[in-house]
């Protein structure tokens, strides 16, 4: 039996200024900080059991995880494996620059927008050892705070899908969305709630 709650970080400055997120270390906006506080309050009123919190080490995810952890009495553990996908040359640039300068469109999980960017398969391979560890260890209650692209990969892994699934479909959430994933005693996995934004209110 295992419960994993995934949370996509709340509104970041890059959501409002037209810049690329990726590995640029944006902070939460004022609105995003309030959203993270609300998620912490609402989850703490609902959850029972002692949770472990794992978070991306990028600032916007860290700030989200810290706000939530404060209400649950848990200090987050930061993992580089939970970072958003590295977009190489586009890091620190605007979304417009990315669209106008991308060197190769992504049609397969092995394509890269830029030579130094991660492909989806490389992102998958970066996440896989962490995924295998938390799904096989004795921790029953886990919260993961990360980013949209990375959590889409995580969702596909959770359902036992291959990386190539991402060429056809996505299990993508939204900023501040909270998802509930369960594994029963027989090892069958469920996604019972997907990217619920009501926790931000």
Protein backbone atom coordinates (compact mmCIF):
# COMPACT_ATOMS: atom_id res chain seq x y z
CA UNK A 1 0.00 0.00 0.00
CA UNK A 2 1.36 3.41 -0.95
CA UNK A 3 -0.04 6.91 -1.35
CA UNK A 4 1.81 9.48 -3.45
CA UNK A 5 0.57 13.04 -3.76
CA UNK A 6 2.17 15.03 -6.58
CA UNK A 7 1.98 18.81 -6.61
CA UNK A 8 2.96 21.05 -9.49
CA UNK A 9 4.56 24.21 -8.11
CA UNK A 10 2.26 27.21 -7.87
CA UNK A 11 2.44 30.42 -9.92
CA UNK A 12 6.02 31.45 -10.60
CA UNK A 13 7.36 34.76 -11.86
CA UNK A 14 8.06 33.13 -15.23
CA UNK A 15 4.34 32.43 -15.64
CA UNK A 16 3.74 36.18 -15.74
CA UNK A 17 6.73 37.64 -17.58
CA UNK A 18 6.92 35.55 -20.76
CA UNK A 19 10.18 33.83 -19.84
CA UNK A 20 11.13 30.16 -20.09
CA UNK A 21 10.97 28.21 -16.82
CA UNK A 22 13.13 25.13 -17.29
CA UNK A 23 16.33 25.34 -15.18
CA UNK A 24 16.13 29.13 -14.71
CA UNK A 25 15.73 29.60 -10.96
CA UNK A 26 12.56 31.67 -10.83
CA UNK A 27 10.84 32.35 -7.50
CA UNK A 28 7.13 32.15 -6.85
CA UNK A 29 5.05 35.24 -7.54
CA UNK A 30 3.15 36.84 -4.67
CA UNK A 31 0.06 35.01 -5.89
CA UNK A 32 2.01 31.75 -6.09
CA UNK A 33 3.20 32.11 -2.50
CA UNK A 34 -0.39 32.56 -1.35
CA UNK A 35 -1.47 29.54 -3.41
CA UNK A 36 1.24 27.38 -1.82
CA UNK A 37 0.15 28.45 1.66
CA UNK A 38 -3.43 27.50 0.83
CA UNK A 39 -2.39 24.08 -0.44
CA UNK A 40 -0.54 23.48 2.82
CA UNK A 41 -3.50 24.55 4.95
CA UNK A 42 -6.00 22.48 2.99
CA UNK A 43 -3.87 19.35 2.82
CA UNK A 44 -3.03 19.50 6.53
CA UNK A 45 -6.75 19.55 7.33
CA UNK A 46 -7.35 16.47 5.18
CA UNK A 47 -4.34 14.19 5.52
CA UNK A 48 -3.53 11.64 8.18
CA UNK A 49 -0.30 9.71 8.41
CA UNK A 50 3.30 10.92 8.39
CA UNK A 51 4.32 12.13 4.95
CA UNK A 52 7.77 12.46 3.42
CA UNK A 53 8.12 15.45 1.06
CA UNK A 54 10.49 15.29 -1.92
CA UNK A 55 10.94 18.40 -4.03
CA UNK A 56 12.81 19.71 -7.01
CA UNK A 57 15.70 21.90 -5.85
CA UNK A 58 14.67 24.76 -8.17
CA UNK A 59 13.49 27.77 -6.17
CA UNK A 60 9.84 27.85 -7.28
CA UNK A 61 9.37 24.21 -6.29
CA UNK A 62 11.35 24.61 -3.06
CA UNK A 63 9.19 27.54 -1.98
CA UNK A 64 6.04 25.56 -2.72
CA UNK A 65 7.34 22.53 -0.81
CA UNK A 66 8.45 24.63 2.17
CA UNK A 67 5.04 26.28 2.49
CA UNK A 68 3.31 22.89 2.42
CA UNK A 69 5.85 21.28 4.73
CA UNK A 70 5.33 24.02 7.30
CA UNK A 71 1.70 22.98 7.76
CA UNK A 72 2.49 19.27 7.81
CA UNK A 73 5.48 19.61 10.14
CA UNK A 74 7.83 18.11 7.55
CA UNK A 75 11.08 19.43 6.05
CA UNK A 76 11.35 18.79 2.31
CA UNK A 77 14.13 16.68 0.84
CA UNK A 78 15.49 18.29 -2.33
CA UNK A 79 16.28 16.21 -5.39
CA UNK A 80 17.88 17.38 -8.65
CA UNK A 81 16.15 14.42 -10.31
CA UNK A 82 12.85 16.29 -9.84
CA UNK A 83 13.96 19.38 -11.77
CA UNK A 84 12.04 20.52 -14.80
CA UNK A 85 13.41 19.48 -18.19
CA UNK A 86 16.59 21.29 -19.15
CA UNK A 87 15.97 23.28 -22.34
CA UNK A 88 19.61 24.10 -22.93
CA UNK A 89 20.15 27.34 -24.85
CA UNK A 90 16.61 28.50 -24.02
CA UNK A 91 17.31 28.66 -20.27
CA UNK A 92 17.20 32.33 -19.29
CA UNK A 93 15.52 33.31 -22.55
CA UNK A 94 11.95 34.32 -23.38
CA UNK A 95 9.31 31.92 -24.66
CA UNK A 96 9.22 34.01 -27.84
CA UNK A 97 12.99 33.52 -28.30
CA UNK A 98 12.55 29.78 -27.83
CA UNK A 99 9.83 29.58 -30.49
CA UNK A 100 11.82 31.66 -32.97
CA UNK A 101 15.15 29.89 -32.43
CA UNK A 102 14.42 26.22 -31.72
CA UNK A 103 16.69 24.11 -33.91
CA UNK A 104 14.57 20.97 -34.12
CA UNK A 105 10.88 20.37 -33.39
CA UNK A 106 10.11 17.51 -31.02
CA UNK A 107 8.41 14.66 -32.82
CA UNK A 108 9.88 11.78 -30.81
CA UNK A 109 11.10 11.36 -27.23
CA UNK A 110 14.67 11.42 -28.57
CA UNK A 111 14.46 14.83 -30.27
CA UNK A 112 16.07 17.90 -28.66
CA UNK A 113 14.95 21.49 -29.25
CA UNK A 114 18.61 22.54 -28.96
CA UNK A 115 21.85 20.54 -28.92
CA UNK A 116 22.38 21.10 -25.18
CA UNK A 117 18.73 20.50 -24.21
CA UNK A 118 17.39 17.31 -22.65
CA UNK A 119 15.24 15.05 -24.75
CA UNK A 120 12.13 13.59 -23.14
CA UNK A 121 13.91 10.21 -22.95
CA UNK A 122 16.86 11.79 -21.14
CA UNK A 123 14.43 13.41 -18.72
CA UNK A 124 12.77 10.00 -18.28
CA UNK A 125 16.13 8.33 -17.60
CA UNK A 126 17.06 11.04 -15.09
CA UNK A 127 13.84 10.47 -13.14
CA UNK A 128 13.74 6.64 -13.33
CA UNK A 129 16.21 5.76 -10.49
CA UNK A 130 14.35 8.09 -8.09
CA UNK A 131 11.00 6.67 -9.23
CA UNK A 132 12.19 3.10 -8.69
CA UNK A 133 13.49 3.96 -5.22
CA UNK A 134 10.33 5.61 -3.89
CA UNK A 135 7.99 3.02 -5.38
CA UNK A 136 9.94 0.13 -3.83
CA UNK A 137 10.92 1.52 -0.42
CA UNK A 138 8.92 1.29 2.80
CA UNK A 139 7.57 4.85 2.74
CA UNK A 140 3.77 4.67 2.65
CA UNK A 141 2.95 8.38 2.40
CA UNK A 142 4.88 10.58 -0.02
CA UNK A 143 4.44 14.10 -1.40
CA UNK A 144 6.36 15.14 -4.52
CA UNK A 145 6.63 18.80 -5.54
CA UNK A 146 7.90 19.31 -9.06
CA UNK A 147 7.16 20.80 -12.48
CA UNK A 148 4.67 20.20 -15.28
CA UNK A 149 6.84 18.40 -17.81
CA UNK A 150 8.55 16.24 -15.19
CA UNK A 151 5.27 15.24 -13.55
CA UNK A 152 3.84 14.25 -16.92
CA UNK A 153 6.74 11.80 -17.20
CA UNK A 154 6.12 10.65 -13.63
CA UNK A 155 2.44 9.95 -14.37
CA UNK A 156 3.32 7.81 -17.38
CA UNK A 157 5.82 5.83 -15.30
CA UNK A 158 3.25 5.35 -12.55
CA UNK A 159 0.86 3.73 -15.02
CA UNK A 160 3.59 1.46 -16.38
CA UNK A 161 3.65 3.14 -19.77
CA UNK A 162 6.79 3.30 -21.97
CA UNK A 163 8.59 6.56 -22.68
CA UNK A 164 7.26 6.44 -26.25
CA UNK A 165 3.75 6.99 -24.88
CA UNK A 166 4.74 10.66 -24.57
CA UNK A 167 4.88 10.91 -28.37
CA UNK A 168 1.14 10.25 -28.57
CA UNK A 169 -0.39 11.64 -25.38
CA UNK A 170 0.34 13.48 -22.13
CA UNK A 171 -0.92 13.25 -18.57
CA UNK A 172 -0.25 16.93 -17.96
CA UNK A 173 -1.45 19.03 -15.01
CA UNK A 174 -1.55 22.75 -14.30
CA UNK A 175 0.29 25.08 -11.95
CA UNK A 176 -0.74 24.32 -8.37
CA UNK A 177 -2.56 21.12 -9.33
CA UNK A 178 -2.64 18.34 -6.73
CA UNK A 179 -2.87 14.70 -7.84
CA UNK A 180 -3.49 11.60 -5.71
CA UNK A 181 -1.86 8.31 -6.73
CA UNK A 182 -2.42 5.01 -4.94
CA UNK A 183 -0.96 1.51 -5.04
CA UNK A 184 -2.99 -1.26 -3.41
CA UNK A 185 -1.77 -4.38 -1.61
CA UNK A 186 -1.75 -6.33 -4.89
CA UNK A 187 0.48 -3.74 -6.56
CA UNK A 188 -2.21 -2.27 -8.79
CA UNK A 189 -1.79 1.47 -9.33
CA UNK A 190 -4.45 4.16 -9.56
CA UNK A 191 -4.65 7.88 -10.24
CA UNK A 192 -7.75 8.84 -8.26
CA UNK A 193 -7.55 12.61 -8.55
CA UNK A 194 -5.67 14.52 -11.25
CA UNK A 195 -4.38 18.11 -10.98
CA UNK A 196 -7.05 19.30 -8.55
CA UNK A 197 -6.75 23.09 -8.28
CA UNK A 198 -9.26 23.48 -5.43
CA UNK A 199 -6.49 23.14 -2.84
CA UNK A 200 -5.11 26.54 -3.86
CA UNK A 201 -8.30 28.34 -2.81
